[in-house]
Structures are given as structure tokens and as C-alpha cells.
Amino acid sequence: MSKFRLDTELVRRGLVETRSQAENYIKLGYVEVDGKIIKKSGYFINNYQKIKLSKKQQYVGRGGLKLEAANNNFKLNFKNKVVLDVGSSTGGFTDYAHQHGAKKIIAVDVGTGQMHPKLCRSSAVELHEKTDIRDFIPKIRPDIILADLSFISLRQVLPHLAQIAGLKTQLIILFKPQFETKPSQINRGIIKNDRIRREIIKNFENRIKNLFKTVDKMDSQVTGEHGNIERFYHLQKIK
């Protein structure tokens, strides 16, 4: 009897769109085989075994899955909060905040036409396109700041976020090592050397410690688009 990898079988049966998405759902514990949660993408099954997505919460972008996994650990309460989403893109973080009861989400991105239409239609979402966060001050001080930025170092943005944040503002930022180092340390967009990754993280943490205290941190359970291991930080402004 032929057997197939669980991740490829999820795609073949049309339960997910891509193998990368399958791997993320498996790692997060959302996939059941014959009623048992399986967390190994290379787990082999046959055609007759039943696969079920036990917890498929839909977000408009994979950022929503990343944030969900992180906030299962950080446990920030979004209900009735004002949220600033920096680097909103298609709206994965915005969608997570929206689904978890945020009163208002201020979404900021340098691009245009990326935000999912359902979020654009929501009265809770205030979208600012073609906007560099470093040139933007929200009219309302946010309770929570979310940041998921690409092609720019967080070191260039965090000093401005410190000006926006109040002492009680909670920040969840996604650290992407490939944008925090020189090109010579990157191989086709990926940081493959774990020693280099640890060095990049150490340098980053040393640079921000005068602005923020690190409440908590964890590696993202959902890998970056090219397989980079990203890291979430829960930060608060220092007095």
C-alpha cells in the first residue's frame, strides 16, 4: 500500500494551498490524522486515513498565523484596544487584531493596494497607504503596536515607535534577521549559519535596550517566506 507525506497529502487533498502552508499548520498542531494531532510534516499516511484541520482560523495573510502563535505565549488582550499595525501589507496582523476584538486598528504601509478588501471595508480599520511610519504620528496613542517590516532594519524604525508609544503601550515586533545584517552574511535571502543568526540577534538586543525593555521573546513557530527563523519580541518603552 502506497504511503504519502502528510504535508504533500494536505495539498493533494485540497485542504491547504501550498506545502509551506501545510508545514506551518502541522507545526502549529492544527492537523489531525484519524483523530490524533500530528506535528511532523514527514509523517507518512495512506489514502484511507482521515485528515482534519482541527483548528483552521482563517486570516487574510500568513502574518495572522504568526501572530496567533506568538500571542498564545505573550497573551496580550486586544479587546477594545487601539492598535497600530506597522507594515500592514495584506493585513495578516490587522486581521488578527480585528478578529480578537480591537476597537480600532491604524494600519500603515509604504505600499498601496495590498490590504485585503474585507479589511478595507471595516469601519474599525483606518488605512494609511504610501506612508513611511517614520513620517507618521497617529492622532490616538495606541494601546498595542504591531510591526512586521521587510527590506528595512527595525533599528531605523524603533526610535520613532518609542516616540509614539506610551509607557503602558505594548509592542509586538517581528524581527527578521535577513534585514538586520550586511548582504555578505545572507545566502539567497536566508541566514543559514546559526552562529551568525545569534550574533545578529545579540547586536539587535544591545542596540534597543536603551529604548525598550524586553518583556518576552520567542522564535516564530511559522517560518519566514524563504525559511528564515524569525523572532517575536514583546517590548515596553523604558521611562
C-alpha atoms as a PDB file:
ATOM      1  CA  MET A   1       0.000   0.000   0.000  1.00  0.00           C
ATOM      2  CA  SER A   2       1.397   3.393  -1.022  1.00  0.00           C
ATOM      3  CA  LYS A   3       2.111   5.954   1.660  1.00  0.00           C
ATOM      4  CA  PHE A   4       2.483   9.708   1.352  1.00  0.00           C
ATOM      5  CA  ARG A   5       3.992  12.528   3.387  1.00  0.00           C
ATOM      6  CA  LEU A   6       1.410  14.375   5.450  1.00  0.00           C
ATOM      7  CA  ASP A   7       2.380  17.818   4.136  1.00  0.00           C
ATOM      8  CA  THR A   8       2.095  16.808   0.473  1.00  0.00           C
ATOM      9  CA  GLU A   9      -1.138  14.925   1.132  1.00  0.00           C
ATOM     10  CA  LEU A  10      -2.709  18.043   2.672  1.00  0.00           C
ATOM     11  CA  VAL A  11      -2.025  19.867  -0.591  1.00  0.00           C
ATOM     12  CA  ARG A  12      -3.184  16.954  -2.778  1.00  0.00           C
ATOM     13  CA  ARG A  13      -6.493  16.720  -0.924  1.00  0.00           C
ATOM     14  CA  GLY A  14      -7.032  20.464  -1.293  1.00  0.00           C
ATOM     15  CA  LEU A  15      -7.028  21.202   2.440  1.00  0.00           C
ATOM     16  CA  VAL A  16      -4.288  23.823   2.034  1.00  0.00           C
ATOM     17  CA  GLU A  17      -2.901  25.686  -0.969  1.00  0.00           C
ATOM     18  CA  THR A  18       0.849  25.128  -0.627  1.00  0.00           C
ATOM     19  CA  ARG A  19       3.277  22.740   1.018  1.00  0.00           C
ATOM     20  CA  SER A  20       4.714  25.639   3.034  1.00  0.00           C
ATOM     21  CA  GLN A  21       1.251  26.354   4.420  1.00  0.00           C
ATOM     22  CA  ALA A  22       0.858  22.656   5.200  1.00  0.00           C
ATOM     23  CA  GLU A  23       4.134  22.616   7.133  1.00  0.00           C
ATOM     24  CA  ASN A  24       3.043  25.631   9.177  1.00  0.00           C
ATOM     25  CA  TYR A  25      -0.348  24.121  10.058  1.00  0.00           C
ATOM     26  CA  ILE A  26       1.291  20.837  11.054  1.00  0.00           C
ATOM     27  CA  LYS A  27       3.900  22.564  13.220  1.00  0.00           C
ATOM     28  CA  LEU A  28       1.189  24.580  14.988  1.00  0.00           C
ATOM     29  CA  GLY A  29      -0.747  21.420  15.830  1.00  0.00           C
ATOM     30  CA  TYR A  30      -3.745  22.170  13.606  1.00  0.00           C
ATOM     31  CA  VAL A  31      -3.701  18.834  11.727  1.00  0.00           C
ATOM     32  CA  GLU A  32      -5.316  15.594  12.897  1.00  0.00           C
ATOM     33  CA  VAL A  33      -4.833  12.169  11.310  1.00  0.00           C
ATOM     34  CA  ASP A  34      -7.540   9.710  12.371  1.00  0.00           C
ATOM     35  CA  GLY A  35      -8.314  11.952  15.349  1.00  0.00           C
ATOM     36  CA  LYS A  36      -4.713  12.311  16.534  1.00  0.00           C
ATOM     37  CA  ILE A  37      -2.765  15.586  16.282  1.00  0.00           C
ATOM     38  CA  ILE A  38       0.406  15.106  14.227  1.00  0.00           C
ATOM     39  CA  LYS A  39       3.232  17.668  14.333  1.00  0.00           C
ATOM     40  CA  LYS A  40       5.666  16.081  11.865  1.00  0.00           C
ATOM     41  CA  SER A  41       5.477  17.111   8.203  1.00  0.00           C
ATOM     42  CA  GLY A  42       7.263  13.901   7.200  1.00  0.00           C
ATOM     43  CA  TYR A  43       4.685  11.669   8.889  1.00  0.00           C
ATOM     44  CA  PHE A  44       3.524   9.063   6.359  1.00  0.00           C
ATOM     45  CA  ILE A  45      -0.132   8.192   5.813  1.00  0.00           C
ATOM     46  CA  ASN A  46      -2.130   6.150   3.318  1.00  0.00           C
ATOM     47  CA  ASN A  47      -5.088   7.082   1.127  1.00  0.00           C
ATOM     48  CA  TYR A  48      -7.627   5.688   3.576  1.00  0.00           C
ATOM     49  CA  GLN A  49      -6.617   7.681   6.631  1.00  0.00           C
ATOM     50  CA  LYS A  50      -8.711  10.713   7.511  1.00  0.00           C
ATOM     51  CA  ILE A  51      -7.108  14.155   7.724  1.00  0.00           C
ATOM     52  CA  LYS A  52      -8.827  17.008   9.519  1.00  0.00           C
ATOM     53  CA  LEU A  53      -7.775  20.587  10.158  1.00  0.00           C
ATOM     54  CA  SER A  54      -8.708  20.743  13.821  1.00  0.00           C
ATOM     55  CA  LYS A  55      -8.132  24.464  14.203  1.00  0.00           C
ATOM     56  CA  LYS A  56      -8.245  26.400  10.989  1.00  0.00           C
ATOM     57  CA  GLN A  57      -8.667  30.045  11.858  1.00  0.00           C
ATOM     58  CA  GLN A  58      -8.505  31.988   8.634  1.00  0.00           C
ATOM     59  CA  TYR A  59      -6.541  35.202   8.288  1.00  0.00           C
ATOM     60  CA  VAL A  60      -6.018  37.189   5.118  1.00  0.00           C
ATOM     61  CA  GLY A  61      -2.239  36.752   5.342  1.00  0.00           C
ATOM     62  CA  ARG A  62       0.150  34.264   6.926  1.00  0.00           C
ATOM     63  CA  GLY A  63       1.167  37.032   9.333  1.00  0.00           C
ATOM     64  CA  GLY A  64      -2.066  36.310  11.174  1.00  0.00           C
ATOM     65  CA  LEU A  65      -0.924  32.753  11.852  1.00  0.00           C
ATOM     66  CA  LYS A  66       2.478  34.007  13.008  1.00  0.00           C
ATOM     67  CA  LEU A  67       0.909  36.493  15.413  1.00  0.00           C
ATOM     68  CA  GLU A  68      -1.611  33.974  16.695  1.00  0.00           C
ATOM     69  CA  ALA A  69       1.162  31.547  17.615  1.00  0.00           C
ATOM     70  CA  ALA A  70       3.186  34.302  19.289  1.00  0.00           C
ATOM     71  CA  ASN A  71       0.298  35.750  21.253  1.00  0.00           C
ATOM     72  CA  ASN A  72      -0.636  32.322  22.549  1.00  0.00           C
ATOM     73  CA  ASN A  73       2.566  32.856  24.530  1.00  0.00           C
ATOM     74  CA  PHE A  74       2.504  36.638  25.137  1.00  0.00           C
ATOM     75  CA  LYS A  75      -1.222  36.697  25.977  1.00  0.00           C
ATOM     76  CA  LEU A  76      -1.956  40.328  25.089  1.00  0.00           C
ATOM     77  CA  ASN A  77      -5.640  41.239  25.255  1.00  0.00           C
ATOM     78  CA  PHE A  78      -6.784  43.029  22.085  1.00  0.00           C
ATOM     79  CA  LYS A  79     -10.399  43.545  23.135  1.00  0.00           C
ATOM     80  CA  ASN A  80     -11.447  47.215  22.854  1.00  0.00           C
ATOM     81  CA  LYS A  81      -7.826  48.274  22.257  1.00  0.00           C
ATOM     82  CA  VAL A  82      -6.425  50.791  19.787  1.00  0.00           C
ATOM     83  CA  VAL A  83      -3.810  49.011  17.674  1.00  0.00           C
ATOM     84  CA  LEU A  84      -1.141  50.422  15.359  1.00  0.00           C
ATOM     85  CA  ASP A  85      -0.078  47.925  12.671  1.00  0.00           C
ATOM     86  CA  VAL A  86       3.235  48.968  11.118  1.00  0.00           C
ATOM     87  CA  GLY A  87       3.942  47.346   7.759  1.00  0.00           C
ATOM     88  CA  SER A  88       0.362  46.144   7.401  1.00  0.00           C
ATOM     89  CA  SER A  89       0.708  44.760   3.838  1.00  0.00           C
ATOM     90  CA  THR A  90      -2.240  42.412   3.089  1.00  0.00           C
ATOM     91  CA  GLY A  91      -3.381  42.708   6.694  1.00  0.00           C
ATOM     92  CA  GLY A  92      -2.477  39.483   8.495  1.00  0.00           C
ATOM     93  CA  PHE A  93      -1.701  41.268  11.781  1.00  0.00           C
ATOM     94  CA  THR A  94      -4.613  43.662  11.275  1.00  0.00           C
ATOM     95  CA  ASP A  95      -6.964  40.728  10.710  1.00  0.00           C
ATOM     96  CA  TYR A  96      -5.756  39.017  13.893  1.00  0.00           C
ATOM     97  CA  ALA A  97      -6.346  42.191  15.924  1.00  0.00           C
ATOM     98  CA  HIS A  98      -9.746  42.684  14.276  1.00  0.00           C
ATOM     99  CA  GLN A  99     -10.884  39.121  14.975  1.00  0.00           C
ATOM    100  CA  HIS A 100      -9.741  39.439  18.582  1.00  0.00           C
ATOM    101  CA  GLY A 101     -11.863  42.469  19.349  1.00  0.00           C
ATOM    102  CA  ALA A 102      -9.671  45.520  18.707  1.00  0.00           C
ATOM    103  CA  LYS A 103     -11.716  48.719  18.787  1.00  0.00           C
ATOM    104  CA  LYS A 104      -9.591  50.461  16.172  1.00  0.00           C
ATOM    105  CA  ILE A 105      -6.674  49.346  14.003  1.00  0.00           C
ATOM    106  CA  ILE A 106      -4.478  52.013  12.411  1.00  0.00           C
ATOM    107  CA  ALA A 107      -2.719  50.265   9.527  1.00  0.00           C
ATOM    108  CA  VAL A 108       0.355  51.894   7.971  1.00  0.00           C
ATOM    109  CA  ASP A 109       2.313  50.729   4.916  1.00  0.00           C
ATOM    110  CA  VAL A 110       4.625  52.284   2.319  1.00  0.00           C
ATOM    111  CA  GLY A 111       2.887  50.280  -0.407  1.00  0.00           C
ATOM    112  CA  THR A 112      -0.547  50.645  -1.923  1.00  0.00           C
ATOM    113  CA  GLY A 113      -3.391  48.352  -2.937  1.00  0.00           C
ATOM    114  CA  GLN A 114      -2.220  45.477  -0.739  1.00  0.00           C
ATOM    115  CA  MET A 115      -4.752  45.452   2.108  1.00  0.00           C
ATOM    116  CA  HIS A 116      -7.441  42.787   1.742  1.00  0.00           C
ATOM    117  CA  PRO A 117     -10.794  44.287   0.643  1.00  0.00           C
ATOM    118  CA  LYS A 118     -12.704  42.878   3.634  1.00  0.00           C
ATOM    119  CA  LEU A 119     -10.432  44.837   5.986  1.00  0.00           C
ATOM    120  CA  CYS A 120     -10.639  47.978   3.845  1.00  0.00           C
ATOM    121  CA  ARG A 121     -14.412  47.814   4.234  1.00  0.00           C
ATOM    122  CA  SER A 122     -14.269  47.559   8.028  1.00  0.00           C
ATOM    123  CA  SER A 123     -15.098  50.717   9.973  1.00  0.00           C
ATOM    124  CA  ALA A 124     -12.588  49.575  12.615  1.00  0.00           C
ATOM    125  CA  VAL A 125      -9.648  49.813  10.187  1.00  0.00           C
ATOM    126  CA  GLU A 126      -8.000  53.162   9.402  1.00  0.00           C
ATOM    127  CA  LEU A 127      -5.632  52.603   6.478  1.00  0.00           C
ATOM    128  CA  HIS A 128      -2.673  54.858   5.637  1.00  0.00           C
ATOM    129  CA  GLU A 129      -1.031  53.772   2.370  1.00  0.00           C
ATOM    130  CA  LYS A 130       2.112  55.233   0.770  1.00  0.00           C
ATOM    131  CA  THR A 131       3.162  56.181   4.288  1.00  0.00           C
ATOM    132  CA  ASP A 132       6.554  55.734   5.913  1.00  0.00           C
ATOM    133  CA  ILE A 133       5.961  55.105   9.613  1.00  0.00           C
ATOM    134  CA  ARG A 134       8.884  57.421  10.394  1.00  0.00           C
ATOM    135  CA  ASP A 135       6.825  60.300   8.980  1.00  0.00           C
ATOM    136  CA  PHE A 136       3.604  59.331  10.739  1.00  0.00           C
ATOM    137  CA  ILE A 137       2.131  60.125  14.154  1.00  0.00           C
ATOM    138  CA  PRO A 138      -1.310  58.651  14.952  1.00  0.00           C
ATOM    139  CA  LYS A 139      -3.904  61.015  16.395  1.00  0.00           C
ATOM    140  CA  ILE A 140      -4.664  58.461  19.107  1.00  0.00           C
ATOM    141  CA  ARG A 141      -1.932  56.889  21.216  1.00  0.00           C
ATOM    142  CA  PRO A 142      -2.106  53.131  20.578  1.00  0.00           C
ATOM    143  CA  ASP A 143      -2.530  50.568  23.333  1.00  0.00           C
ATOM    144  CA  ILE A 144      -0.698  47.987  21.204  1.00  0.00           C
ATOM    145  CA  ILE A 145       1.847  48.427  18.422  1.00  0.00           C
ATOM    146  CA  LEU A 146       2.457  45.585  15.970  1.00  0.00           C
ATOM    147  CA  ALA A 147       5.324  45.643  13.488  1.00  0.00           C
ATOM    148  CA  ASP A 148       6.138  43.319  10.592  1.00  0.00           C
ATOM    149  CA  LEU A 149       8.564  45.086   8.266  1.00  0.00           C
ATOM    150  CA  SER A 150      10.602  43.922   5.286  1.00  0.00           C
ATOM    151  CA  PHE A 151      13.564  45.449   3.436  1.00  0.00           C
ATOM    152  CA  ILE A 152      14.306  47.843   6.300  1.00  0.00           C
ATOM    153  CA  SER A 153      16.068  47.367   9.616  1.00  0.00           C
ATOM    154  CA  LEU A 154      13.960  47.656  12.753  1.00  0.00           C
ATOM    155  CA  ARG A 155      16.792  49.749  14.177  1.00  0.00           C
ATOM    156  CA  GLN A 156      15.731  52.525  11.792  1.00  0.00           C
ATOM    157  CA  VAL A 157      12.118  52.386  12.949  1.00  0.00           C
ATOM    158  CA  LEU A 158      12.119  51.608  16.677  1.00  0.00           C
ATOM    159  CA  PRO A 159      13.320  55.078  17.828  1.00  0.00           C
ATOM    160  CA  HIS A 160      10.229  56.579  16.165  1.00  0.00           C
ATOM    161  CA  LEU A 161       7.966  53.897  17.644  1.00  0.00           C
ATOM    162  CA  ALA A 162       9.380  54.831  21.050  1.00  0.00           C
ATOM    163  CA  GLN A 163       8.093  58.375  20.445  1.00  0.00           C
ATOM    164  CA  ILE A 164       4.645  57.074  19.519  1.00  0.00           C
ATOM    165  CA  ALA A 165       4.389  54.609  22.412  1.00  0.00           C
ATOM    166  CA  GLY A 166       3.256  55.484  25.899  1.00  0.00           C
ATOM    167  CA  LEU A 167       4.669  53.812  28.990  1.00  0.00           C
ATOM    168  CA  LYS A 168       1.736  51.382  29.011  1.00  0.00           C
ATOM    169  CA  THR A 169       1.829  50.650  25.281  1.00  0.00           C
ATOM    170  CA  GLN A 170       2.633  47.025  24.467  1.00  0.00           C
ATOM    171  CA  LEU A 171       4.705  46.290  21.367  1.00  0.00           C
ATOM    172  CA  ILE A 172       4.911  43.019  19.455  1.00  0.00           C
ATOM    173  CA  ILE A 173       7.550  43.231  16.755  1.00  0.00           C
ATOM    174  CA  LEU A 174       8.695  40.583  14.313  1.00  0.00           C
ATOM    175  CA  PHE A 175      12.487  40.505  13.986  1.00  0.00           C
ATOM    176  CA  LYS A 176      13.720  39.297  10.589  1.00  0.00           C
ATOM    177  CA  PRO A 177      17.469  38.623  10.730  1.00  0.00           C
ATOM    178  CA  GLN A 178      17.939  38.862   6.962  1.00  0.00           C
ATOM    179  CA  PHE A 179      17.091  42.583   7.110  1.00  0.00           C
ATOM    180  CA  GLU A 180      19.308  43.303  10.116  1.00  0.00           C
ATOM    181  CA  THR A 181      22.726  42.434   8.693  1.00  0.00           C
ATOM    182  CA  LYS A 182      25.064  43.032   5.761  1.00  0.00           C
ATOM    183  CA  PRO A 183      24.445  41.232   2.436  1.00  0.00           C
ATOM    184  CA  SER A 184      27.629  39.155   2.734  1.00  0.00           C
ATOM    185  CA  GLN A 185      26.039  37.172   5.593  1.00  0.00           C
ATOM    186  CA  ILE A 186      22.952  36.274   3.551  1.00  0.00           C
ATOM    187  CA  ASN A 187      22.737  33.362   1.114  1.00  0.00           C
ATOM    188  CA  ARG A 188      19.871  33.832  -1.363  1.00  0.00           C
ATOM    189  CA  GLY A 189      17.852  35.724   1.218  1.00  0.00           C
ATOM    190  CA  ILE A 190      18.478  33.204   4.000  1.00  0.00           C
ATOM    191  CA  ILE A 191      20.613  33.272   7.160  1.00  0.00           C
ATOM    192  CA  LYS A 192      21.814  29.669   7.180  1.00  0.00           C
ATOM    193  CA  ASN A 193      24.597  29.934   9.769  1.00  0.00           C
ATOM    194  CA  ASP A 194      23.160  29.706  13.289  1.00  0.00           C
ATOM    195  CA  ARG A 195      26.220  31.401  14.791  1.00  0.00           C
ATOM    196  CA  ILE A 196      25.690  34.412  12.533  1.00  0.00           C
ATOM    197  CA  ARG A 197      21.993  34.490  13.429  1.00  0.00           C
ATOM    198  CA  ARG A 198      22.800  34.509  17.162  1.00  0.00           C
ATOM    199  CA  GLU A 199      25.296  37.324  16.608  1.00  0.00           C
ATOM    200  CA  ILE A 200      22.721  39.383  14.690  1.00  0.00           C
ATOM    201  CA  ILE A 201      20.184  38.878  17.487  1.00  0.00           C
ATOM    202  CA  LYS A 202      22.697  39.850  20.181  1.00  0.00           C
ATOM    203  CA  ASN A 203      23.655  43.044  18.340  1.00  0.00           C
ATOM    204  CA  PHE A 204      19.995  43.953  17.854  1.00  0.00           C
ATOM    205  CA  GLU A 205      19.114  43.424  21.516  1.00  0.00           C
ATOM    206  CA  ASN A 206      22.080  45.534  22.626  1.00  0.00           C
ATOM    207  CA  ARG A 207      21.005  48.379  20.337  1.00  0.00           C
ATOM    208  CA  ILE A 208      17.398  48.572  21.543  1.00  0.00           C
ATOM    209  CA  LYS A 209      17.911  48.114  25.291  1.00  0.00           C
ATOM    210  CA  ASN A 210      18.113  51.878  25.891  1.00  0.00           C
ATOM    211  CA  LEU A 211      14.678  52.352  24.317  1.00  0.00           C
ATOM    212  CA  PHE A 212      12.704  49.296  25.375  1.00  0.00           C
ATOM    213  CA  LYS A 213      12.671  46.557  27.937  1.00  0.00           C
ATOM    214  CA  THR A 214      12.114  43.066  26.603  1.00  0.00           C
ATOM    215  CA  VAL A 215       9.098  41.592  28.376  1.00  0.00           C
ATOM    216  CA  ASP A 216       9.305  38.325  26.449  1.00  0.00           C
ATOM    217  CA  LYS A 217      10.641  36.862  23.219  1.00  0.00           C
ATOM    218  CA  MET A 218      10.236  33.699  21.180  1.00  0.00           C
ATOM    219  CA  ASP A 219      11.165  32.323  17.781  1.00  0.00           C
ATOM    220  CA  SER A 220       8.244  32.399  15.374  1.00  0.00           C
ATOM    221  CA  GLN A 221       6.608  28.998  15.040  1.00  0.00           C
ATOM    222  CA  VAL A 222       5.819  29.886  11.439  1.00  0.00           C
ATOM    223  CA  THR A 223       8.983  30.289   9.379  1.00  0.00           C
ATOM    224  CA  GLY A 224       9.643  33.215   7.077  1.00  0.00           C
ATOM    225  CA  GLU A 225       8.803  33.018   3.385  1.00  0.00           C
ATOM    226  CA  HIS A 226      12.246  31.668   2.439  1.00  0.00           C
ATOM    227  CA  GLY A 227      12.723  29.567   5.561  1.00  0.00           C
ATOM    228  CA  ASN A 228      14.362  32.165   7.804  1.00  0.00           C
ATOM    229  CA  ILE A 229      13.838  31.693  11.524  1.00  0.00           C
ATOM    230  CA  GLU A 230      12.232  34.936  12.665  1.00  0.00           C
ATOM    231  CA  ARG A 231      11.779  36.083  16.251  1.00  0.00           C
ATOM    232  CA  PHE A 232       8.953  37.865  18.049  1.00  0.00           C
ATOM    233  CA  TYR A 233       9.665  40.413  20.783  1.00  0.00           C
ATOM    234  CA  HIS A 234       7.187  41.718  23.329  1.00  0.00           C
ATOM    235  CA  LEU A 235       8.535  45.141  24.296  1.00  0.00           C
ATOM    236  CA  GLN A 236       7.627  48.074  26.517  1.00  0.00           C
ATOM    237  CA  LYS A 237       9.039  51.571  26.433  1.00  0.00           C
ATOM    238  CA  ILE A 238      11.578  52.500  29.093  1.00  0.00           C
ATOM    239  CA  LYS A 239      10.846  55.651  31.107  1.00  0.00           C
END
